[in-house]
Amino acid sequence: MDENKIIYACIEHIEIALDDYINEKENAPNMQKCEDKTCSYCSDKAIYKLTE
């Protein structure tokens, strides 16, 4: 995972996104609501943005 990578997740993929982030960074992400972005795992609208 890129050091400054942002993961966008829809409601269906938020658990997978959290697992991927924690497995890679070994730290909890900052989780923020977002608008107008697409989920990193599918083509649905993202609800959350995970950042360092």
Protein backbone atom coordinates (compact mmCIF):
# COMPACT_ATOMS: atom_id res chain seq x y z
CA MET A 1 0.00 0.00 0.00
CA ASP A 2 1.28 3.43 -0.94
CA GLU A 3 2.25 5.45 2.14
CA ASN A 4 -0.29 8.20 1.41
CA LYS A 5 -2.96 5.99 -0.14
CA ILE A 6 -6.57 6.86 0.58
CA ILE A 7 -9.10 4.04 0.63
CA TYR A 8 -12.70 4.87 -0.23
CA ALA A 9 -15.34 2.38 0.90
CA CYS A 10 -19.06 1.89 0.46
CA ILE A 11 -21.16 0.44 3.28
CA GLU A 12 -20.74 -3.08 1.87
CA HIS A 13 -16.91 -2.93 1.78
CA ILE A 14 -16.02 -0.90 4.88
CA GLU A 15 -15.07 -4.00 6.91
CA ILE A 16 -12.76 -5.26 4.15
CA ALA A 17 -11.23 -1.79 3.78
CA LEU A 18 -10.56 -1.58 7.52
CA ASP A 19 -9.00 -5.06 7.54
CA ASP A 20 -6.79 -4.24 4.54
CA TYR A 21 -5.65 -0.95 6.06
CA ILE A 22 -4.87 -2.46 9.48
CA ASN A 23 -3.09 -5.47 7.97
CA GLU A 24 -0.88 -3.21 5.84
CA LYS A 25 -0.22 -0.32 8.23
CA GLU A 26 -0.59 -2.16 11.57
CA ASN A 27 -2.42 0.91 12.84
CA ALA A 28 -6.00 2.14 12.87
CA PRO A 29 -6.96 4.62 10.14
CA ASN A 30 -8.65 7.98 10.41
CA MET A 31 -12.18 7.39 9.19
CA GLN A 32 -14.14 10.27 7.68
CA LYS A 33 -17.44 10.52 5.84
CA CYS A 34 -17.04 11.46 2.20
CA GLU A 35 -19.14 12.41 -0.81
CA ASP A 36 -18.69 12.25 -4.57
CA LYS A 37 -16.14 9.40 -4.55
CA THR A 38 -16.33 5.82 -5.76
CA CYS A 39 -15.59 2.80 -3.58
CA SER A 40 -12.08 1.37 -4.06
CA TYR A 41 -13.58 -2.15 -4.21
CA CYS A 42 -16.61 -1.66 -6.49
CA SER A 43 -18.39 1.03 -8.49
CA ASP A 44 -20.82 2.08 -5.73
CA LYS A 45 -20.73 5.46 -4.04
CA ALA A 46 -18.17 5.61 -1.22
CA ILE A 47 -19.42 6.62 2.22
CA TYR A 48 -16.10 6.52 4.11
CA LYS A 49 -12.56 7.67 3.46
CA LEU A 50 -9.71 5.93 5.32
CA THR A 51 -6.48 7.86 5.74
CA GLU A 52 -3.38 7.75 7.90
